[in-house]
Amino acid sequence: MASIPTLRLVALLVQGLLLFLAIVLALTACGRATTTSQVPPGPKLGRPDAVRAPLELPASVTVSTLPEQPPRIVISELFVDPLVLDDRAGEYIEMVNLSPHAVRVSDLSLSLPSGTVAPLDRAHDPVLHPGEVAIATARTTAVQQIHVPVMKLPNGAGRIELRWRNRVVDVAQWYGKKPWPKAHPGWSLERTRPDADGQTRVAWRASLTQMRVIERGSPGQVQWPCATLTNTPLLAACQARAKDQLHRRKACGPLR
């Protein structure tokens, strides 16, 4: 029969073992809780883009109704003096449908500097969708763009009227001398904001976005502050883009 000191020693060993097991279980549970509460690591982020980064637009919008009132379509960019391509292949006029409805391309026409009124046509899609940024060009190979075979834009100065059912809905004008912004050879002219009067010099700026080799332009993209896109189909996309950029700035720290 075991002596009393031996029994006390066994009891102390058992208590110590139970205490050790309790501590191990507690630490394991704490580690699990900490791991579960942690936010999964996000992707590695580089330097955030500029605030006025080009907007990513919806791929398509269902055409429900077509407007009976003049739509809000603006000419957003002009490329009148290409360098890499010849004039016929390189020139383009960019336009944006800021109205909430789709617009038939066949309802639109351009009054060109030559005095010619050119009807617009696009074979692959007969409508401009809400928020769509479209390109008009004389190139016959540009099947996804609006074809204007008679388009010819003078380098020095010019005026274009965008018409809907023969009613003028927007005007773009440029002049190659100061105080107007100079359309450098190979640089496009971008509209500063959608509500700017396209007949004034403050409505235009020379593009700084690299396009082809030494040319600058941003065909198919708009670079406008979100505050200028109120009540347009582009507002939600612009706000989402700005929110993402703010999040990335906080994640990456201040720009250097």
Protein backbone atom coordinates (compact mmCIF):
# COMPACT_ATOMS: atom_id res chain seq x y z
CA MET A 1 0.00 0.00 0.00
CA ALA A 2 1.42 3.44 -1.05
CA SER A 3 2.47 5.86 1.65
CA ILE A 4 0.72 9.23 2.16
CA PRO A 5 3.61 11.35 0.76
CA THR A 6 3.55 9.29 -2.42
CA LEU A 7 -0.18 9.84 -2.89
CA ARG A 8 0.26 13.59 -2.38
CA LEU A 9 3.02 13.65 -5.01
CA VAL A 10 0.81 11.81 -7.52
CA ALA A 11 -2.06 14.22 -6.82
CA LEU A 12 0.22 17.21 -7.41
CA LEU A 13 1.46 15.73 -10.68
CA VAL A 14 -2.10 15.12 -11.89
CA GLN A 15 -3.10 18.70 -11.00
CA GLY A 16 -0.09 20.08 -12.81
CA LEU A 17 -0.85 18.01 -15.90
CA LEU A 18 -4.50 19.18 -15.93
CA LEU A 19 -3.39 22.82 -15.57
CA PHE A 20 -0.95 22.41 -18.44
CA LEU A 21 -3.66 20.91 -20.67
CA ALA A 22 -6.04 23.76 -19.80
CA ILE A 23 -3.43 26.37 -20.78
CA VAL A 24 -2.69 24.61 -24.09
CA LEU A 25 -6.41 24.44 -24.95
CA ALA A 26 -6.90 28.11 -24.10
CA LEU A 27 -3.98 29.20 -26.28
CA THR A 28 -5.22 27.08 -29.17
CA ALA A 29 -8.70 28.60 -28.98
CA CYS A 30 -7.25 32.12 -28.84
CA GLY A 31 -5.10 31.46 -31.89
CA ARG A 32 -8.11 30.22 -33.83
CA ALA A 33 -10.18 33.24 -32.88
CA THR A 34 -7.41 35.61 -33.88
CA THR A 35 -6.92 33.88 -37.21
CA THR A 36 -10.64 33.94 -37.93
CA SER A 37 -11.00 37.63 -37.14
CA GLN A 38 -8.14 38.73 -39.39
CA VAL A 39 -9.01 40.31 -42.76
CA PRO A 40 -7.71 38.22 -45.68
CA PRO A 41 -4.72 39.93 -47.30
CA GLY A 42 -5.59 41.92 -50.40
CA PRO A 43 -3.68 42.06 -53.66
CA LYS A 44 -0.40 43.86 -53.89
CA LEU A 45 -1.13 47.40 -54.94
CA GLY A 46 1.06 49.66 -57.01
CA ARG A 47 1.01 53.41 -57.38
CA PRO A 48 -2.63 54.61 -57.69
CA ASP A 49 -3.78 56.08 -60.98
CA ALA A 50 -4.66 59.74 -61.40
CA VAL A 51 -8.01 60.94 -60.06
CA ARG A 52 -9.28 61.52 -63.57
CA ALA A 53 -8.49 58.05 -64.79
CA PRO A 54 -10.51 56.84 -67.79
CA LEU A 55 -13.85 55.37 -66.86
CA GLU A 56 -14.70 51.75 -67.47
CA LEU A 57 -18.18 51.74 -68.96
CA PRO A 58 -20.80 48.98 -68.97
CA ALA A 59 -20.37 46.65 -71.94
CA SER A 60 -23.98 46.94 -73.01
CA VAL A 61 -27.32 48.40 -71.96
CA THR A 62 -30.71 46.99 -72.91
CA VAL A 63 -32.51 49.21 -75.40
CA SER A 64 -35.99 49.82 -74.03
CA THR A 65 -37.21 53.14 -75.38
CA LEU A 66 -35.77 55.63 -77.83
CA PRO A 67 -36.09 59.36 -77.11
CA GLU A 68 -38.53 61.67 -78.81
CA GLN A 69 -36.82 64.72 -77.33
CA PRO A 70 -33.29 65.76 -78.35
CA PRO A 71 -30.82 63.54 -76.48
CA ARG A 72 -27.81 64.85 -74.58
CA ILE A 73 -24.86 63.82 -76.73
CA VAL A 74 -21.61 65.77 -76.61
CA ILE A 75 -18.49 65.79 -78.76
CA SER A 76 -15.76 64.88 -76.26
CA GLU A 77 -12.56 64.67 -78.35
CA LEU A 78 -11.18 65.73 -81.74
CA PHE A 79 -8.11 64.36 -83.49
CA VAL A 80 -7.53 66.63 -86.48
CA ASP A 81 -3.80 66.25 -87.23
CA PRO A 82 -2.48 62.68 -86.97
CA LEU A 83 1.21 61.90 -87.47
CA VAL A 84 1.56 58.11 -87.52
CA LEU A 85 -1.37 57.49 -89.88
CA ASP A 86 -2.60 59.57 -92.78
CA ASP A 87 -5.52 61.94 -92.22
CA ARG A 88 -8.19 59.57 -93.50
CA ALA A 89 -7.03 56.71 -91.29
CA GLY A 90 -6.03 58.71 -88.21
CA GLU A 91 -8.60 61.47 -87.78
CA TYR A 92 -11.52 60.84 -85.46
CA ILE A 93 -14.38 62.53 -83.62
CA GLU A 94 -15.39 61.13 -80.25
CA MET A 95 -18.91 61.55 -78.86
CA VAL A 96 -20.62 60.47 -75.62
CA ASN A 97 -24.28 59.66 -75.06
CA LEU A 98 -25.05 61.26 -71.67
CA SER A 99 -28.80 60.79 -71.94
CA PRO A 100 -30.60 57.92 -70.11
CA HIS A 101 -31.92 56.47 -73.38
CA ALA A 102 -30.41 54.73 -76.35
CA VAL A 103 -30.19 56.82 -79.52
CA ARG A 104 -30.39 55.58 -83.09
CA VAL A 105 -27.13 56.24 -84.92
CA SER A 106 -29.13 56.85 -88.10
CA ASP A 107 -30.87 59.80 -86.37
CA LEU A 108 -27.50 61.54 -86.04
CA SER A 109 -25.45 63.54 -88.53
CA LEU A 110 -22.35 65.74 -88.52
CA SER A 111 -22.12 69.12 -90.17
CA LEU A 112 -18.43 69.18 -91.14
CA PRO A 113 -16.13 72.20 -91.67
CA SER A 114 -16.42 71.66 -95.41
CA GLY A 115 -20.14 72.42 -95.20
CA THR A 116 -21.12 68.81 -95.87
CA VAL A 117 -23.77 67.28 -93.62
CA ALA A 118 -22.77 63.64 -93.22
CA PRO A 119 -25.30 61.06 -91.98
CA LEU A 120 -23.90 58.59 -89.46
CA ASP A 121 -23.96 54.83 -89.77
CA ARG A 122 -22.66 51.90 -87.74
CA ALA A 123 -23.21 48.44 -89.14
CA HIS A 124 -22.51 46.28 -86.08
CA ASP A 125 -24.80 48.18 -83.66
CA PRO A 126 -27.48 50.66 -84.81
CA VAL A 127 -27.81 52.53 -81.48
CA LEU A 128 -25.69 54.54 -79.06
CA HIS A 129 -26.28 53.08 -75.61
CA PRO A 130 -26.60 55.23 -72.46
CA GLY A 131 -23.10 56.21 -71.35
CA GLU A 132 -21.47 54.90 -74.51
CA VAL A 133 -18.33 56.59 -75.85
CA ALA A 134 -18.32 56.25 -79.65
CA ILE A 135 -15.74 57.06 -82.32
CA ALA A 136 -16.55 58.46 -85.78
CA THR A 137 -13.89 57.94 -88.43
CA ALA A 138 -13.48 57.80 -92.21
CA ARG A 139 -11.75 54.40 -92.06
CA THR A 140 -13.68 51.67 -93.82
CA THR A 141 -11.86 48.98 -91.80
CA ALA A 142 -13.11 50.26 -88.45
CA VAL A 143 -16.20 48.05 -88.42
CA GLN A 144 -17.05 48.73 -84.75
CA GLN A 145 -16.91 52.50 -85.16
CA ILE A 146 -19.23 55.02 -86.77
CA HIS A 147 -18.36 55.36 -90.43
CA VAL A 148 -18.19 58.87 -91.93
CA PRO A 149 -16.61 58.38 -95.37
CA VAL A 150 -16.52 62.11 -96.25
CA MET A 151 -14.91 63.22 -92.98
CA LYS A 152 -11.97 65.60 -93.43
CA LEU A 153 -10.87 67.84 -90.55
CA PRO A 154 -8.71 70.93 -91.18
CA ASN A 155 -5.69 71.33 -88.91
CA GLY A 156 -5.80 75.10 -88.37
CA ALA A 157 -9.43 75.80 -87.46
CA GLY A 158 -12.85 74.30 -87.85
CA ARG A 159 -16.37 73.87 -86.57
CA ILE A 160 -18.48 70.72 -86.27
CA GLU A 161 -22.17 70.50 -85.46
CA LEU A 162 -23.65 67.29 -84.11
CA ARG A 163 -27.27 66.99 -85.15
CA TRP A 164 -30.16 64.77 -84.08
CA ARG A 165 -32.93 64.60 -86.67
CA ASN A 166 -31.40 67.76 -88.16
CA ARG A 167 -31.53 69.64 -84.82
CA VAL A 168 -28.19 70.82 -83.44
CA VAL A 169 -27.47 69.13 -80.07
CA ASP A 170 -23.77 70.05 -79.73
CA VAL A 171 -21.04 72.13 -81.35
CA ALA A 172 -17.26 71.70 -81.31
CA GLN A 173 -14.96 74.44 -82.54
CA TRP A 174 -11.17 74.77 -82.61
CA TYR A 175 -8.66 77.39 -83.68
CA GLY A 176 -4.95 76.85 -84.03
CA LYS A 177 -3.75 80.16 -82.60
CA LYS A 178 -3.54 81.65 -79.11
CA PRO A 179 -5.38 82.05 -76.82
CA TRP A 180 -6.99 78.82 -78.03
CA PRO A 181 -5.22 75.60 -76.97
CA LYS A 182 -2.97 74.55 -79.81
CA ALA A 183 -3.74 71.24 -81.49
CA HIS A 184 -0.13 70.05 -81.78
CA PRO A 185 0.55 67.67 -84.67
CA GLY A 186 -0.20 64.21 -83.30
CA TRP A 187 -2.10 65.49 -80.24
CA SER A 188 -5.87 65.38 -79.89
CA LEU A 189 -8.09 68.03 -78.31
CA GLU A 190 -10.13 66.80 -75.32
CA ARG A 191 -13.17 68.51 -73.88
CA THR A 192 -12.44 69.74 -70.36
CA ARG A 193 -15.93 68.89 -69.04
CA PRO A 194 -19.21 67.74 -70.60
CA ASP A 195 -21.10 70.96 -69.80
CA ALA A 196 -18.44 73.28 -71.28
CA ASP A 197 -19.51 75.30 -74.33
CA GLY A 198 -17.71 73.62 -77.23
CA GLN A 199 -17.56 76.93 -79.11
CA THR A 200 -15.19 78.46 -76.53
CA ARG A 201 -11.47 77.97 -76.01
CA VAL A 202 -11.84 76.99 -72.33
CA ALA A 203 -13.77 73.91 -73.40
CA TRP A 204 -10.67 72.26 -74.89
CA ARG A 205 -7.22 71.10 -73.82
CA ALA A 206 -4.42 69.23 -75.54
CA SER A 207 -4.39 65.54 -74.61
CA LEU A 208 -1.56 64.21 -72.45
CA THR A 209 -2.45 60.51 -72.83
CA GLN A 210 -0.02 58.52 -74.96
CA MET A 211 -1.73 56.75 -77.83
CA ARG A 212 0.40 55.57 -80.78
CA VAL A 213 4.18 56.02 -80.48
CA ILE A 214 4.50 59.84 -80.47
CA GLU A 215 0.76 60.58 -80.71
CA ARG A 216 -1.44 61.56 -77.79
CA GLY A 217 -5.15 60.96 -77.40
CA SER A 218 -7.70 58.87 -75.52
CA PRO A 219 -10.22 57.52 -78.07
CA GLY A 220 -13.06 55.61 -76.43
CA GLN A 221 -12.39 57.04 -72.95
CA VAL A 222 -13.49 60.17 -71.12
CA GLN A 223 -11.54 61.93 -68.36
CA TRP A 224 -14.05 64.13 -66.52
CA PRO A 225 -14.49 64.86 -62.79
CA CYS A 226 -17.42 63.01 -61.21
CA ALA A 227 -19.04 66.31 -60.18
CA THR A 228 -19.65 67.11 -63.86
CA LEU A 229 -21.47 63.81 -64.48
CA THR A 230 -24.52 64.35 -62.25
CA ASN A 231 -27.72 62.95 -63.79
CA THR A 232 -25.78 60.99 -66.42
CA PRO A 233 -25.29 57.23 -66.91
CA LEU A 234 -21.57 57.69 -66.13
CA LEU A 235 -21.95 59.01 -62.57
CA ALA A 236 -22.11 55.62 -60.81
CA ALA A 237 -19.08 54.32 -62.72
CA CYS A 238 -17.12 57.48 -61.92
CA GLN A 239 -17.96 57.34 -58.20
CA ALA A 240 -17.02 53.67 -58.01
CA ARG A 241 -13.71 54.44 -59.69
CA ALA A 242 -13.00 57.36 -57.35
CA LYS A 243 -13.85 55.24 -54.29
CA ASP A 244 -11.49 52.51 -55.44
CA GLN A 245 -8.69 55.04 -55.95
CA LEU A 246 -9.27 56.50 -52.47
CA HIS A 247 -9.07 53.02 -50.97
CA ARG A 248 -5.82 52.34 -52.81
CA ARG A 249 -4.32 55.64 -51.66
CA LYS A 250 -5.04 54.71 -48.03
CA ALA A 251 -3.58 51.26 -48.56
CA CYS A 252 -0.43 52.50 -50.27
CA GLY A 253 0.20 55.65 -48.26
CA PRO A 254 0.82 59.11 -49.71
CA LEU A 255 2.00 59.46 -53.28
CA ARG A 256 5.64 60.24 -53.82
